[in-house]
Amino acid sequence: MGLSSHQLKKLEDAAVIIPVARLQVAAEVLGVSVGDFFPDETPEVAPQVDSSPMEHPQTRDLIEAYYAAPTSVRASFSALLTSLARR
C-alpha cells in the first residue's frame, strides 16, 4: 500500500484519518469491501424527551450536587446554565 511502518502505526492508533482512496486500496489488497472496515452497528437513537424531566435520575443527581455546593458556586452555576439555555 506504500505505507511506512511509522505511517501504519499512526493509522492503527487512529492518530490520522485514512483517506478514502487508501481504504479502497486496502480493501482491494485484502479482498474485502470498504464496508467491512466499519462495525455493523445500529446508530444510537436519541432518547425521547419525557414530559417530566424531574423523574430522571440525572436530574436528581444534578439537584443534589447543586445543593451540596457552596452558595457562591451555586450562583455561578445557575448563571452558567441560564446562559447556555439561551443559546
C-alpha atoms as a PDB file:
ATOM      1  CA  MET A   1       0.000   0.000   0.000  1.00  0.00           C
ATOM      2  CA  GLY A   2       3.014   2.260   0.065  1.00  0.00           C
ATOM      3  CA  LEU A   3       2.990   2.999   3.808  1.00  0.00           C
ATOM      4  CA  SER A   4       5.957   3.196   6.119  1.00  0.00           C
ATOM      5  CA  SER A   5       5.802   1.378   9.444  1.00  0.00           C
ATOM      6  CA  HIS A   6       5.535   4.777  11.142  1.00  0.00           C
ATOM      7  CA  GLN A   7       2.526   5.742   8.977  1.00  0.00           C
ATOM      8  CA  LEU A   8       0.901   2.369   9.612  1.00  0.00           C
ATOM      9  CA  LYS A   9       1.352   2.772  13.376  1.00  0.00           C
ATOM     10  CA  LYS A  10      -0.316   6.203  13.243  1.00  0.00           C
ATOM     11  CA  LEU A  11      -3.241   4.693  11.331  1.00  0.00           C
ATOM     12  CA  GLU A  12      -3.563   1.834  13.829  1.00  0.00           C
ATOM     13  CA  ASP A  13      -3.569   4.299  16.720  1.00  0.00           C
ATOM     14  CA  ALA A  14      -6.167   6.491  14.961  1.00  0.00           C
ATOM     15  CA  ALA A  15      -3.712   9.393  15.109  1.00  0.00           C
ATOM     16  CA  VAL A  16      -4.534  10.234  11.493  1.00  0.00           C
ATOM     17  CA  ILE A  17      -7.573   9.774   9.286  1.00  0.00           C
ATOM     18  CA  ILE A  18      -7.315   7.231   6.494  1.00  0.00           C
ATOM     19  CA  PRO A  19      -8.107   8.808   3.122  1.00  0.00           C
ATOM     20  CA  VAL A  20     -10.943   7.155   1.203  1.00  0.00           C
ATOM     21  CA  ALA A  21      -8.598   6.250  -1.660  1.00  0.00           C
ATOM     22  CA  ARG A  22      -6.375   4.318   0.792  1.00  0.00           C
ATOM     23  CA  LEU A  23      -9.406   2.482   2.166  1.00  0.00           C
ATOM     24  CA  GLN A  24     -10.277   1.365  -1.349  1.00  0.00           C
ATOM     25  CA  VAL A  25      -6.714   0.169  -1.987  1.00  0.00           C
ATOM     26  CA  ALA A  26      -6.632  -1.666   1.364  1.00  0.00           C
ATOM     27  CA  ALA A  27      -9.968  -3.323   0.595  1.00  0.00           C
ATOM     28  CA  GLU A  28      -8.715  -4.478  -2.804  1.00  0.00           C
ATOM     29  CA  VAL A  29      -5.451  -5.834  -1.357  1.00  0.00           C
ATOM     30  CA  LEU A  30      -7.339  -7.721   1.352  1.00  0.00           C
ATOM     31  CA  GLY A  31     -10.107  -8.873  -0.977  1.00  0.00           C
ATOM     32  CA  VAL A  32     -12.910  -7.294   1.058  1.00  0.00           C
ATOM     33  CA  SER A  33     -15.304  -4.390   0.609  1.00  0.00           C
ATOM     34  CA  VAL A  34     -14.687  -0.994   2.182  1.00  0.00           C
ATOM     35  CA  GLY A  35     -17.810  -1.562   4.309  1.00  0.00           C
ATOM     36  CA  ASP A  36     -16.044  -4.474   6.010  1.00  0.00           C
ATOM     37  CA  PHE A  37     -13.785  -1.947   7.787  1.00  0.00           C
ATOM     38  CA  PHE A  38     -16.737  -0.486   9.688  1.00  0.00           C
ATOM     39  CA  PRO A  39     -18.619  -2.170  12.521  1.00  0.00           C
ATOM     40  CA  ASP A  40     -22.132  -3.303  11.739  1.00  0.00           C
ATOM     41  CA  GLU A  41     -23.874  -1.319  14.444  1.00  0.00           C
ATOM     42  CA  THR A  42     -27.222   0.337  14.529  1.00  0.00           C
ATOM     43  CA  PRO A  43     -26.814   4.065  15.145  1.00  0.00           C
ATOM     44  CA  GLU A  44     -27.786   5.149  18.615  1.00  0.00           C
ATOM     45  CA  VAL A  45     -31.110   6.936  18.674  1.00  0.00           C
ATOM     46  CA  ALA A  46     -31.534   9.945  20.904  1.00  0.00           C
ATOM     47  CA  PRO A  47     -33.798   9.192  23.832  1.00  0.00           C
ATOM     48  CA  GLN A  48     -37.326  10.541  23.787  1.00  0.00           C
ATOM     49  CA  VAL A  49     -37.821  13.596  25.970  1.00  0.00           C
ATOM     50  CA  ASP A  50     -40.245  12.713  28.731  1.00  0.00           C
ATOM     51  CA  SER A  51     -42.936  15.091  29.808  1.00  0.00           C
ATOM     52  CA  SER A  52     -41.457  15.066  33.312  1.00  0.00           C
ATOM     53  CA  PRO A  53     -37.671  15.514  33.355  1.00  0.00           C
ATOM     54  CA  MET A  54     -37.824  15.625  37.155  1.00  0.00           C
ATOM     55  CA  GLU A  55     -38.263  11.836  37.131  1.00  0.00           C
ATOM     56  CA  HIS A  56     -34.837  11.232  35.564  1.00  0.00           C
ATOM     57  CA  PRO A  57     -32.071  10.027  37.904  1.00  0.00           C
ATOM     58  CA  GLN A  58     -29.681  12.530  36.286  1.00  0.00           C
ATOM     59  CA  THR A  59     -31.991  15.369  37.339  1.00  0.00           C
ATOM     60  CA  ARG A  60     -31.987  14.222  40.946  1.00  0.00           C
ATOM     61  CA  ASP A  61     -28.174  13.831  40.872  1.00  0.00           C
ATOM     62  CA  LEU A  62     -27.796  17.331  39.449  1.00  0.00           C
ATOM     63  CA  ILE A  63     -30.068  18.841  42.105  1.00  0.00           C
ATOM     64  CA  GLU A  64     -28.205  17.044  44.901  1.00  0.00           C
ATOM     65  CA  ALA A  65     -24.844  18.227  43.563  1.00  0.00           C
ATOM     66  CA  TYR A  66     -26.177  21.774  43.211  1.00  0.00           C
ATOM     67  CA  TYR A  67     -27.327  21.965  46.834  1.00  0.00           C
ATOM     68  CA  ALA A  68     -24.140  20.319  48.096  1.00  0.00           C
ATOM     69  CA  ALA A  69     -22.063  23.125  46.556  1.00  0.00           C
ATOM     70  CA  PRO A  70     -21.284  26.383  48.389  1.00  0.00           C
ATOM     71  CA  THR A  71     -23.698  29.281  47.779  1.00  0.00           C
ATOM     72  CA  SER A  72     -21.177  31.198  45.638  1.00  0.00           C
ATOM     73  CA  VAL A  73     -20.697  28.180  43.372  1.00  0.00           C
ATOM     74  CA  ARG A  74     -24.457  27.676  43.074  1.00  0.00           C
ATOM     75  CA  ALA A  75     -24.920  31.270  41.904  1.00  0.00           C
ATOM     76  CA  SER A  76     -22.214  30.884  39.250  1.00  0.00           C
ATOM     77  CA  PHE A  77     -23.583  27.535  38.152  1.00  0.00           C
ATOM     78  CA  SER A  78     -27.100  28.909  37.873  1.00  0.00           C
ATOM     79  CA  ALA A  79     -25.860  31.832  35.749  1.00  0.00           C
ATOM     80  CA  LEU A  80     -23.926  29.428  33.513  1.00  0.00           C
ATOM     81  CA  LEU A  81     -26.935  27.172  32.943  1.00  0.00           C
ATOM     82  CA  THR A  82     -29.188  30.140  32.222  1.00  0.00           C
ATOM     83  CA  SER A  83     -26.681  31.422  29.667  1.00  0.00           C
ATOM     84  CA  LEU A  84     -26.355  28.007  27.993  1.00  0.00           C
ATOM     85  CA  ALA A  85     -30.126  27.544  27.841  1.00  0.00           C
ATOM     86  CA  ARG A  86     -30.469  30.769  25.834  1.00  0.00           C
ATOM     87  CA  ARG A  87     -28.195  29.503  23.036  1.00  0.00           C
END
